[in-house]
Protein backbone atom coordinates (compact mmCIF):
# COMPACT_ATOMS: atom_id res chain seq x y z
CA MET A 1 87.65 95.73 86.85
CA LEU A 2 85.12 96.20 84.88
CA ALA A 3 84.93 99.22 82.85
CA ASN A 4 86.41 101.16 86.20
CA GLY A 5 90.29 100.92 85.49
CA LYS A 6 92.00 104.34 86.76
CA ILE A 7 92.28 105.12 82.97
CA PHE A 8 90.45 108.79 83.60
CA THR A 9 93.63 109.70 85.49
CA LEU A 10 96.84 112.04 83.71
CA SER A 11 99.36 109.68 83.56
CA LEU A 12 102.78 110.10 82.12
CA LEU A 13 101.95 108.72 79.55
CA SER A 14 98.80 110.47 78.57
CA LEU A 15 100.00 113.48 79.21
CA ILE A 16 101.99 113.64 76.12
CA LEU A 17 98.47 113.30 74.08
CA LEU A 18 97.71 116.98 74.09
CA GLY A 19 93.67 115.57 73.60
CA HIS A 20 93.61 113.91 76.52
CA GLU A 21 91.63 116.11 78.80
CA THR A 22 88.75 116.18 81.07
CA PRO A 23 85.61 117.98 79.12
CA ALA A 24 85.03 121.31 80.02
CA GLN A 25 81.92 121.46 82.28
CA PRO A 26 79.27 124.24 83.15
CA ALA A 27 80.77 126.74 85.96
CA PRO A 28 79.66 125.52 89.23
CA VAL A 29 77.14 127.33 91.27
CA LYS A 30 78.01 129.68 94.04
CA LEU A 31 76.97 127.50 97.31
CA THR A 32 75.52 128.34 100.41
CA ALA A 33 76.92 126.78 103.46
CA GLU A 34 74.10 124.88 104.02
CA GLN A 35 74.32 123.34 100.48
CA TRP A 36 77.47 122.50 101.13
CA ARG A 37 76.96 120.59 104.16
CA ALA A 38 74.15 119.10 102.82
CA ASP A 39 76.28 117.17 100.51
CA LEU A 40 78.76 116.85 103.05
CA ARG A 41 75.92 115.18 105.20
CA LEU A 42 75.20 113.13 102.25
CA LEU A 43 78.46 111.84 101.41
CA ALA A 44 79.05 111.08 105.22
CA GLU A 45 75.76 108.71 105.14
CA GLU A 46 76.35 107.22 102.09
CA LEU A 47 80.35 106.78 101.49
CA PRO A 48 80.45 103.57 104.03
CA ARG A 49 77.13 102.13 102.80
CA ARG A 50 78.20 102.33 99.25
CA HIS A 51 81.82 101.18 100.13
CA LYS A 52 82.81 97.32 100.15
CA ASN A 53 84.43 97.97 103.72
CA ALA A 54 85.06 102.29 103.60
CA PHE A 55 86.90 101.30 107.07
CA HIS A 56 90.04 99.00 105.94
CA THR A 57 92.81 101.49 106.60
CA MET A 58 91.15 104.23 108.83
CA THR A 59 88.69 103.91 111.87
CA ARG A 60 84.91 105.07 111.67
CA ALA A 61 86.16 107.39 114.61
CA GLN A 62 88.53 109.20 112.04
CA PHE A 63 86.11 109.54 109.16
CA ASP A 64 83.73 111.17 111.59
CA ALA A 65 85.99 113.40 112.71
CA ALA A 66 87.36 114.61 109.56
CA VAL A 67 83.48 114.95 108.66
CA LYS A 68 82.70 117.11 111.71
CA GLN A 69 85.93 119.54 111.32
CA LEU A 70 85.08 120.41 107.38
CA ASP A 71 81.31 120.76 108.39
CA GLU A 72 82.26 123.24 111.24
CA ARG A 73 84.66 124.94 108.89
CA ILE A 74 82.47 125.09 105.95
CA PRO A 75 81.44 128.76 106.45
CA SER A 76 84.65 130.17 106.95
CA LEU A 77 85.79 128.11 103.71
CA ALA A 78 86.06 129.47 99.97
CA ASP A 79 84.64 126.89 97.17
CA GLN A 80 87.57 125.62 96.44
CA GLU A 81 88.76 124.44 99.99
CA ILE A 82 85.77 123.07 100.56
CA THR A 83 86.17 121.02 97.10
CA VAL A 84 89.81 119.96 98.50
CA GLY A 85 88.33 118.86 102.20
CA LEU A 86 85.91 116.72 100.32
CA MET A 87 88.85 115.08 98.09
CA ARG A 88 90.77 115.14 101.54
CA ILE A 89 88.07 112.76 102.62
CA MET A 90 87.61 110.16 100.17
CA ALA A 91 91.37 109.54 99.87
CA MET A 92 91.05 108.70 103.34
CA VAL A 93 89.51 105.56 102.20
CA GLY A 94 92.93 104.36 101.23
CA ASP A 95 92.02 102.82 97.86
CA GLY A 96 92.77 103.84 94.24
CA HIS A 97 89.15 103.77 93.09
CA THR A 98 87.65 105.23 95.59
CA ARG A 99 87.65 108.97 94.75
CA MET A 100 86.21 112.42 93.53
CA SER A 101 85.66 111.94 89.94
CA GLY A 102 85.99 114.65 87.28
CA MET A 103 87.57 116.84 89.48
CA ALA A 104 90.47 118.63 86.92
CA ALA A 105 87.32 120.38 85.37
CA ARG A 106 86.05 121.76 88.65
CA PHE A 107 89.03 124.00 89.00
CA ARG A 108 88.44 127.40 87.17
CA ALA A 109 91.63 129.42 88.37
CA GLY A 110 93.49 127.85 85.42
CA ARG A 111 96.92 126.13 85.33
CA TYR A 112 100.00 126.22 85.56
CA PRO A 113 101.70 125.15 82.50
CA ALA A 114 104.52 122.31 83.79
CA GLN A 115 104.05 119.04 84.22
CA LEU A 116 105.92 117.04 86.88
CA TYR A 117 106.85 113.69 87.47
CA LEU A 118 108.55 111.45 90.20
CA PHE A 119 111.38 110.09 89.08
CA LYS A 120 113.54 107.62 91.38
CA ASP A 121 116.11 110.84 92.15
CA GLY A 122 113.47 113.24 92.48
CA LEU A 123 110.69 115.62 91.92
CA PHE A 124 111.61 116.92 88.43
CA VAL A 125 109.66 119.08 85.44
CA ARG A 126 109.38 116.80 82.81
CA ARG A 127 107.44 119.02 80.30
CA VAL A 128 106.45 123.06 80.06
CA ALA A 129 105.39 125.62 78.23
CA ALA A 130 107.68 126.90 75.60
CA GLU A 131 108.10 130.26 76.96
CA HIS A 132 109.86 128.28 79.77
CA ALA A 133 111.79 125.64 78.08
CA GLU A 134 114.82 126.46 80.51
CA LEU A 135 112.63 124.78 83.25
CA ALA A 136 112.33 121.72 81.25
CA GLY A 137 114.32 118.78 83.08
CA ALA A 138 114.91 120.69 85.96
CA LYS A 139 114.79 119.31 89.71
CA ALA A 140 112.05 120.67 91.96
CA LEU A 141 113.48 122.09 95.10
CA ARG A 142 110.63 124.16 96.80
CA ILE A 143 106.93 124.69 95.58
CA GLY A 144 105.50 127.51 96.84
CA LYS A 145 105.74 128.27 100.19
CA LEU A 146 107.51 124.88 101.15
CA SER A 147 109.96 122.53 100.27
CA THR A 148 109.17 119.76 97.39
CA GLU A 149 108.75 117.07 100.34
CA GLU A 150 106.37 119.29 102.23
CA ALA A 151 104.26 119.93 99.27
CA LEU A 152 104.65 116.25 97.93
CA SER A 153 102.92 115.67 101.65
CA ARG A 154 100.49 117.90 101.30
CA VAL A 155 98.82 116.71 97.90
CA ARG A 156 99.54 113.09 99.40
CA GLU A 157 96.68 113.90 101.55
CA ILE A 158 93.83 114.21 98.39
CA ALA A 159 95.71 111.94 96.14
CA PRO A 160 93.67 108.53 95.68
CA HIS A 161 95.60 105.25 96.49
CA ASP A 162 95.95 101.83 97.12
CA ASN A 163 100.01 102.36 97.88
CA GLU A 164 102.95 104.54 97.70
CA MET A 165 103.38 104.08 93.90
CA GLY A 166 99.90 105.45 93.62
CA VAL A 167 100.96 108.35 95.55
CA LYS A 168 104.40 108.63 93.22
CA ASP A 169 101.47 108.37 89.84
CA GLU A 170 98.69 110.99 91.67
CA ALA A 171 100.37 113.33 93.53
CA PRO A 172 102.55 115.51 91.34
CA PHE A 173 99.28 116.22 88.83
CA TRP A 174 97.69 118.24 91.09
CA PHE A 175 100.82 120.69 91.37
CA ALA A 176 99.51 122.21 88.13
CA PHE A 177 96.09 123.36 89.59
CA PRO A 178 96.22 127.14 91.88
CA GLU A 179 92.84 126.31 93.72
CA VAL A 180 94.59 122.57 95.06
CA LEU A 181 97.82 124.56 95.89
CA HIS A 182 96.20 127.63 97.78
CA ALA A 183 93.49 125.26 99.34
CA LEU A 184 96.45 122.64 100.60
CA GLY A 185 98.44 125.63 102.11
CA ILE A 186 101.04 125.29 99.44
CA THR A 187 100.88 128.82 98.01
CA ASP A 188 99.67 132.06 99.23
CA ASP A 189 97.67 133.38 95.97
CA LEU A 190 95.88 132.08 93.00
CA GLN A 191 97.45 133.94 90.88
CA SER A 192 100.93 132.95 90.70
CA LEU A 193 103.78 130.17 91.87
CA LYS A 194 106.72 130.34 92.86
CA LEU A 195 108.67 127.42 92.10
CA VAL A 196 112.94 127.11 93.31
CA VAL A 197 114.55 124.82 90.72
CA GLU A 198 117.55 123.28 90.43
CA ILE A 199 119.59 123.98 87.01
CA ASP A 200 123.07 122.62 85.96
CA GLY A 201 123.83 122.61 89.88
CA GLN A 202 122.42 126.33 90.57
CA SER A 203 119.37 127.01 92.23
CA LYS A 204 116.99 129.27 90.68
CA THR A 205 113.66 131.02 91.41
CA VAL A 206 111.18 131.17 88.81
CA GLU A 207 107.75 132.83 88.55
CA MET A 208 104.82 131.15 86.91
CA LYS A 209 101.19 132.01 86.07
CA PRO A 210 98.16 130.25 85.26
CA VAL A 211 96.78 129.79 81.79
CA SER A 212 93.05 129.30 80.88
CA GLN A 213 94.06 126.74 77.81
CA LEU A 214 97.12 124.17 77.87
CA PRO A 215 100.14 125.38 75.64
CA ALA A 216 99.94 124.87 72.18
CA ARG A 217 103.92 124.18 72.29
CA TRP A 218 105.73 122.39 74.77
CA ALA A 219 109.38 122.10 75.90
CA ASP A 220 110.21 118.35 77.11
CA ALA A 221 113.30 117.30 79.38
CA ARG A 222 114.15 115.12 76.40
CA ASP A 223 114.13 117.31 73.72
CA ALA A 224 118.04 117.40 73.70
CA ALA A 225 118.33 113.19 73.64
CA LYS A 226 120.66 112.17 70.86
CA SER A 227 118.94 108.81 70.97
CA PRO A 228 115.70 107.81 69.37
CA VAL A 229 112.45 107.61 71.46
CA PRO A 230 112.13 104.42 73.58
CA LEU A 231 109.76 102.12 72.39
CA TRP A 232 107.48 102.83 75.35
CA LEU A 233 107.18 106.55 74.11
CA LYS A 234 107.11 105.67 70.41
CA ASN A 235 103.47 104.96 70.01
CA PRO A 236 101.61 106.19 73.12
CA GLY A 237 98.15 107.25 71.39
CA ASN A 238 97.98 103.08 70.59
CA ASP A 239 95.96 101.00 72.65
CA TYR A 240 98.16 98.16 71.87
CA TRP A 241 100.52 97.16 69.92
CA PHE A 242 104.39 95.03 69.05
CA GLU A 243 107.54 95.15 67.80
CA TYR A 244 110.11 92.74 66.86
CA LEU A 245 113.65 93.52 67.35
CA PRO A 246 115.93 91.11 65.41
CA GLU A 247 118.76 91.36 66.80
CA GLN A 248 118.02 90.54 70.05
CA LYS A 249 115.24 88.30 69.15
CA THR A 250 113.14 89.85 71.58
CA LEU A 251 109.22 90.75 70.87
CA TYR A 252 108.06 93.84 72.84
CA VAL A 253 104.65 94.35 73.06
CA GLN A 254 102.91 97.43 74.73
CA TYR A 255 99.51 97.35 76.47
CA ASN A 256 97.82 100.36 77.53
CA VAL A 257 94.56 100.03 78.34
CA VAL A 258 92.33 97.06 79.07
CA ARG A 259 89.54 97.76 75.71
CA ASN A 260 88.76 96.39 72.42
CA LYS A 261 90.11 98.95 69.92
CA PRO A 262 87.28 99.31 67.56
CA ASP A 263 88.68 97.24 64.63
CA GLU A 264 90.57 94.82 66.61
CA THR A 265 89.69 93.05 69.66
CA VAL A 266 92.04 92.22 72.60
CA GLU A 267 92.06 88.79 71.94
CA ALA A 268 92.50 88.92 68.21
CA PHE A 269 95.28 91.54 68.93
CA PHE A 270 97.16 88.27 71.17
CA ASN A 271 96.13 85.84 68.48
CA ARG A 272 98.44 87.91 65.74
CA VAL A 273 101.34 88.24 68.86
CA PHE A 274 101.49 84.74 69.49
CA ALA A 275 101.23 83.54 66.22
CA PHE A 276 104.24 85.68 65.53
CA VAL A 277 105.99 84.23 68.18
CA ALA A 278 105.30 80.66 66.79
CA THR A 279 106.55 81.10 63.53
CA ASN A 280 109.25 83.44 64.19
CA PRO A 281 112.84 83.39 66.47
CA VAL A 282 111.17 84.95 69.67
CA GLU A 283 114.05 84.38 72.30
CA LYS A 284 112.61 87.30 74.88
CA PHE A 285 109.14 88.50 74.89
CA VAL A 286 108.33 91.30 76.65
CA LEU A 287 104.57 92.21 77.60
CA ASP A 288 104.51 96.08 78.56
CA LEU A 289 101.91 97.38 81.28
CA ARG A 290 103.64 99.76 83.01
CA VAL A 291 101.33 102.78 81.76
CA ASN A 292 98.21 100.52 81.74
CA GLY A 293 95.51 101.97 83.85
CA GLY A 294 92.89 99.22 83.58
CA GLY A 295 89.70 98.90 81.86
CA ASN A 296 87.44 95.54 81.26
CA ASN A 297 88.90 92.72 83.66
CA PHE A 298 87.59 90.04 81.63
CA LEU A 299 89.49 90.62 78.59
CA ASN A 300 92.77 89.75 79.95
CA LEU A 301 92.07 85.76 79.65
CA PRO A 302 93.40 85.37 75.99
CA ILE A 303 96.51 86.78 76.73
CA VAL A 304 97.48 84.49 79.89
CA LYS A 305 96.35 81.26 77.82
CA GLY A 306 98.41 82.45 75.18
CA VAL A 307 101.39 82.96 76.99
CA ILE A 308 100.81 78.97 78.70
CA ARG A 309 100.85 78.03 75.57
CA SER A 310 103.66 79.51 73.66
CA LYS A 311 106.95 78.40 73.51
CA ILE A 312 108.11 81.31 75.53
CA ASP A 313 106.24 80.51 79.08
CA GLU A 314 109.79 79.95 80.41
CA ARG A 315 111.81 81.34 83.47
CA GLY A 316 114.03 83.82 81.63
CA LYS A 317 112.06 84.30 78.40
CA PHE A 318 108.90 85.45 79.46
CA PHE A 319 109.05 89.25 81.00
CA THR A 320 106.50 91.91 81.49
CA ILE A 321 107.22 95.61 83.10
CA ILE A 322 105.77 97.24 85.37
CA GLY A 323 104.90 100.05 87.51
CA ARG A 324 102.87 102.32 89.31
CA GLU A 325 100.49 103.33 86.76
CA THR A 326 99.37 99.42 86.89
CA PHE A 327 96.12 99.62 88.33
CA SER A 328 93.01 98.06 88.73
CA ALA A 329 92.33 95.79 85.57
CA ALA A 330 96.13 95.68 84.32
CA GLN A 331 96.77 94.74 87.89
CA ASN A 332 94.41 91.69 87.92
CA LEU A 333 95.93 90.64 84.59
CA VAL A 334 99.87 90.63 86.44
CA ASN A 335 97.76 88.68 89.30
CA GLN A 336 97.08 85.99 87.21
CA LEU A 337 100.56 86.05 84.97
CA GLU A 338 101.98 85.47 88.81
CA LYS A 339 99.90 82.54 89.66
CA TYR A 340 100.27 80.61 86.04
CA THR A 341 103.04 81.85 84.05
CA ASN A 342 106.56 81.89 84.63
CA VAL A 343 106.94 85.43 84.18
CA ILE A 344 109.89 88.01 85.69
CA PHE A 345 108.30 91.39 86.72
CA VAL A 346 110.61 93.92 85.18
CA GLY A 347 110.60 97.64 86.71
CA GLU A 348 108.95 99.21 89.85
CA PRO A 349 105.74 98.18 92.25
CA THR A 350 102.47 98.31 90.63
CA GLY A 351 99.93 101.12 91.81
CA ALA A 352 97.49 98.53 93.23
CA ARG A 353 97.24 95.60 95.73
CA PRO A 354 97.14 92.37 94.58
CA ASN A 355 93.86 92.11 96.43
CA SER A 356 91.85 95.15 96.50
CA TYR A 357 88.47 97.21 96.11
CA GLY A 358 87.18 97.99 93.09
CA GLU A 359 84.29 98.34 90.81
CA ALA A 360 83.71 101.58 91.82
CA ARG A 361 79.88 102.93 91.45
CA SER A 362 78.99 106.58 91.60
CA LEU A 363 76.51 108.65 93.07
CA THR A 364 76.47 112.62 92.62
CA LEU A 365 76.57 115.20 95.28
CA PRO A 366 73.34 116.87 94.14
CA ASN A 367 73.91 120.78 95.33
CA SER A 368 77.78 120.74 94.08
CA GLY A 369 77.55 118.16 91.24
CA LEU A 370 80.66 116.63 92.36
CA VAL A 371 80.66 112.88 91.60
CA VAL A 372 81.66 110.51 93.80
CA ARG A 373 82.97 106.98 93.28
CA ALA A 374 82.89 104.59 95.60
CA SER A 375 84.30 101.08 95.45
CA THR A 376 82.04 98.37 95.66
CA LEU A 377 83.80 94.78 95.67
CA TRP A 378 86.85 93.30 96.97
CA TRP A 379 88.80 91.68 94.12
CA GLN A 380 90.46 88.36 95.97
CA ASP A 381 92.87 87.02 92.45
CA LEU A 382 95.19 85.28 94.98
CA ASP A 383 95.81 83.79 98.41
CA PRO A 384 93.20 85.87 100.74
CA ARG A 385 95.94 85.92 103.06
CA ASP A 386 98.13 87.84 100.63
CA ASP A 387 97.99 91.60 101.95
CA ARG A 388 101.20 92.61 99.56
CA MET A 389 100.78 96.27 99.40
CA TRP A 390 102.18 95.77 95.47
CA THR A 391 103.16 93.49 92.95
CA ALA A 392 106.90 94.25 93.51
CA PRO A 393 109.62 93.80 90.01
CA GLN A 394 111.88 90.55 90.65
CA VAL A 395 114.57 93.08 88.69
CA ALA A 396 114.02 96.86 90.16
CA ALA A 397 114.76 99.07 87.23
CA GLU A 398 113.66 102.20 88.12
CA MET A 399 113.85 105.37 85.99
CA THR A 400 115.69 108.47 86.75
CA ALA A 401 115.87 111.76 85.60
CA ALA A 402 118.70 111.27 83.66
CA ASP A 403 117.52 108.40 82.14
CA TYR A 404 114.06 110.06 80.97
CA ARG A 405 116.17 113.05 79.77
CA ALA A 406 118.29 110.84 77.38
CA ASN A 407 115.58 108.38 76.33
CA ARG A 408 117.39 105.40 78.22
CA ASP A 409 114.29 102.58 79.28
CA PRO A 410 116.39 101.18 81.99
CA ALA A 411 113.40 98.40 82.42
CA LEU A 412 113.73 96.84 79.11
CA GLU A 413 117.61 97.21 79.06
CA ALA A 414 117.36 94.81 82.08
CA ILE A 415 115.36 92.63 80.77
CA LEU A 416 117.96 92.62 76.74
CA ASN A 417 120.92 92.26 79.51
CA TYR A 418 118.87 89.61 81.65
CA THR A 419 120.90 86.36 81.69
CA PRO A 420 119.60 83.02 83.96
CA GLY A 421 121.09 82.41 87.25
CA GLY A 422 121.50 84.35 91.08
CA THR A 423 117.82 84.34 91.79
CA ILE A 424 117.08 83.29 94.96
CA ASP A 425 115.56 80.05 94.43
CA GLU A 426 118.07 78.78 92.54
CA LEU A 427 120.73 80.07 95.78
CA ILE A 428 119.10 77.79 97.88
CA ALA A 429 118.66 74.85 95.17
CA GLU A 430 122.36 74.73 95.10
CA ALA A 431 122.34 75.51 99.29
CA LEU A 432 120.48 72.19 99.71
CA ALA A 433 122.68 70.04 97.24
CA ALA A 434 125.29 71.16 99.25
CA ASN A 435 126.59 70.48 102.96
CA ASP A 436 128.34 73.65 103.16
CA LEU A 437 126.27 77.10 103.65
CA THR A 438 129.49 79.30 102.94
CA ALA A 439 128.70 80.25 99.25
CA PHE A 440 125.05 80.79 100.12
CA LEU A 441 125.69 83.23 102.94
CA ARG A 442 128.33 84.82 100.31
CA LYS A 443 125.79 85.16 97.50
CA TYR A 444 123.08 85.96 99.74
CA ARG A 445 124.37 89.11 100.94
CA GLN A 446 125.51 90.16 97.10
CA PHE A 447 121.65 89.17 95.76
CA LYS A 448 120.50 91.53 99.07
CA THR A 449 122.71 94.37 98.16
CA SER A 450 122.08 94.28 94.73
CA PRO A 451 119.72 97.19 92.91
CA ALA A 452 118.30 94.98 90.63
CA ASN A 453 116.78 93.36 94.06
CA PHE A 454 115.83 96.17 95.87
CA TYR A 455 112.03 95.09 96.23
CA VAL A 456 112.50 91.26 96.14
CA HIS A 457 111.11 90.29 99.59
CA THR A 458 113.17 87.17 100.55
CA GLY A 459 111.44 86.52 103.87
CA ARG A 460 109.13 83.78 103.31
CA THR A 461 111.49 82.23 101.14
CA ILE A 462 114.46 82.53 103.56
CA ASN A 463 112.00 81.06 106.39
CA ALA A 464 110.75 77.72 103.87
CA PHE A 465 114.51 77.70 102.96
CA GLY A 466 114.90 77.12 107.10
CA TYR A 467 112.49 74.51 107.42
CA GLN A 468 113.76 72.54 104.44
CA LEU A 469 116.86 72.45 106.67
CA LEU A 470 115.09 70.92 109.60
CA GLU A 471 113.49 68.12 107.65
CA ARG A 472 116.86 67.30 106.51
CA ASN A 473 118.72 67.37 110.25
CA ARG A 474 120.66 69.93 109.55
CA LEU A 475 119.80 71.95 112.60
CA ASP A 476 122.62 74.20 112.71
CA ASP A 477 122.35 75.08 109.11
CA ALA A 478 118.77 75.75 109.93
CA LEU A 479 119.96 78.32 112.97
CA THR A 480 122.25 80.18 110.62
CA VAL A 481 119.64 80.55 107.99
CA PHE A 482 116.75 81.56 110.38
CA LYS A 483 119.06 84.06 111.91
CA LEU A 484 120.15 85.50 108.84
CA ASN A 485 116.30 85.92 108.42
CA THR A 486 116.07 88.10 111.50
CA GLU A 487 118.96 90.03 110.47
CA ALA A 488 117.30 90.94 106.78
CA TYR A 489 114.14 91.50 108.69
CA PRO A 490 114.41 92.74 112.31
CA ASP A 491 110.71 93.65 112.78
CA SER A 492 109.02 90.19 111.73
CA ALA A 493 107.00 87.73 114.22
CA ASN A 494 107.15 85.16 112.08
CA ALA A 495 111.28 85.18 111.39
CA PHE A 496 111.49 85.40 115.26
CA ASP A 497 108.69 82.69 115.97
CA SER A 498 110.87 80.43 113.54
CA LEU A 499 114.18 80.85 114.68
CA ALA A 500 112.80 80.14 118.42
CA GLU A 501 111.27 76.87 117.07
CA ALA A 502 114.89 75.77 115.83
CA TYR A 503 116.37 77.12 119.12
CA GLY A 504 113.96 74.34 120.54
CA ARG A 505 114.62 71.43 118.33
CA ARG A 506 118.44 72.05 119.35
CA GLY A 507 117.45 72.11 123.04
CA GLN A 508 118.42 75.39 124.01
CA ARG A 509 115.34 76.52 126.26
CA GLU A 510 116.06 79.97 127.28
CA GLU A 511 116.95 80.86 123.64
CA ALA A 512 113.73 79.78 122.19
CA ILE A 513 111.70 81.35 124.88
CA LYS A 514 113.18 84.91 124.52
CA ASN A 515 113.08 84.55 120.60
CA TYR A 516 109.17 83.78 121.00
CA GLU A 517 109.18 86.97 123.51
CA ARG A 518 110.51 89.03 120.36
CA ALA A 519 108.11 87.49 118.11
CA LEU A 520 105.13 88.77 120.90
CA GLN A 521 106.32 92.09 120.57
CA PHE A 522 105.51 92.22 116.94
CA ASN A 523 102.56 90.32 117.03
CA PRO A 524 100.92 89.57 119.76
CA ASN A 525 98.47 87.38 118.26
CA LEU A 526 100.81 85.06 117.36
CA THR A 527 98.97 81.94 118.64
CA SER A 528 102.25 79.41 117.80
CA ALA A 529 105.05 81.48 119.59
CA SER A 530 102.31 81.80 122.50
CA ASP A 531 101.28 77.97 122.57
CA ALA A 532 104.60 77.24 122.37
CA LEU A 533 105.82 79.66 125.41
CA ARG A 534 102.98 78.06 127.22
CA ARG A 535 104.95 74.39 127.12
CA LEU A 536 108.04 75.85 127.37
CA ARG A 537 107.22 77.67 131.10
CA LYS A 538 105.62 73.93 132.36
CA PRO A 539 107.62 73.10 135.58
């Protein structure tokens, strides 16, 4: 989206940059209850009016109830509790662009000098002040009064997000703020934080005090790593850059922010990139978007054109690394690559929906000075029926805490080790060429159990395969495939609707009726199933 990507948040990569902090703001003036209520009333009036569709994930009644509850409690709440209450209301909207802006600078009790991150295997201390160096790399078991899971659930309430990957990106950041933890009932005071962590298999309780300034020296979980710094962490302050790996004949391009540099535009940079591709033995091309939070959406077109015109736009040659921080204009680039190129996505799901709300505009609440941002546009790059929560990787490669400590990059490793073959489309092509599904069923089950395919949703693809078999009059094979789909997706109305149709084609009326009824249990508005049932039930 134009100039409104989530580049203002503190991500895993940006936290590495000590200077990447929200500028200090004047200390908030103490407000009366009526002043807070006036701000809340303005928010309640303006948010639904300004947002393109504020009630796409919550109802108007839920919104009104949350506003009423906060209004009634304002006289008994401290300022930070009211502020967190407003953040909670904003997060209810359910899109990552709609949020309270500049909140890190609003909390004045200091910060706990630790940075936590949700790896594949749990919440860990990624970085900590040097005096707590023994905590670097420790797994968090309890935060304040709550288990890690309970604490994450509380913080989730104030984390603006499109999806759960957005929560993973946003929520851990707020564990550093005493006022937030206190307001959410995670701690009892503003002066200390008890952490229960696991170090070398042993549980340990530590107490941490807030600091007024971030530490000059940090201990990082990677400090003892013997391997070189991975490429994705090699040049974190550079908006975009590339490096050639001659042994692997692979070009790695990291694209961290969708904005022009003062000395080189995005277009000029990628012209250099594709000139290098054209004149060098590049067999694999890696575009790393995993920490790209967005920016100016209109700068991405030269990238898409460059890929299409180049020799690397072939299946198995062009890879894009995505993740929880891939958001806004970076998500739109992902959409365009998915639509127009032969890209293979690797990593973890994106932090944005393919079709999403954005182009946020600001409103300043007059008494508190808090800045509210509300999405004003519905961005629809793909099929309007595309209701995916995220873009999923075709090759899952999620980072564990051990990977991070050892300077390993599972995503890049998966790309360098990738060999063509074994995709769901390739398995179906083989099955269509044969008259026996035995090999397909075996390979499909292997495909579904492979960790690399964890996020691959095969429902629509397998459903289409079933209809291809129906068209070829392979009725028994089609029935087998449709049954396979209902086993893989037992709550899918479409899967049961298709299975019912196959039974109907085979003349098994009762089985068809039973499965159409099952489809309607999951989606009562599925007209294809209800129409078919009326026909089947006629005397």
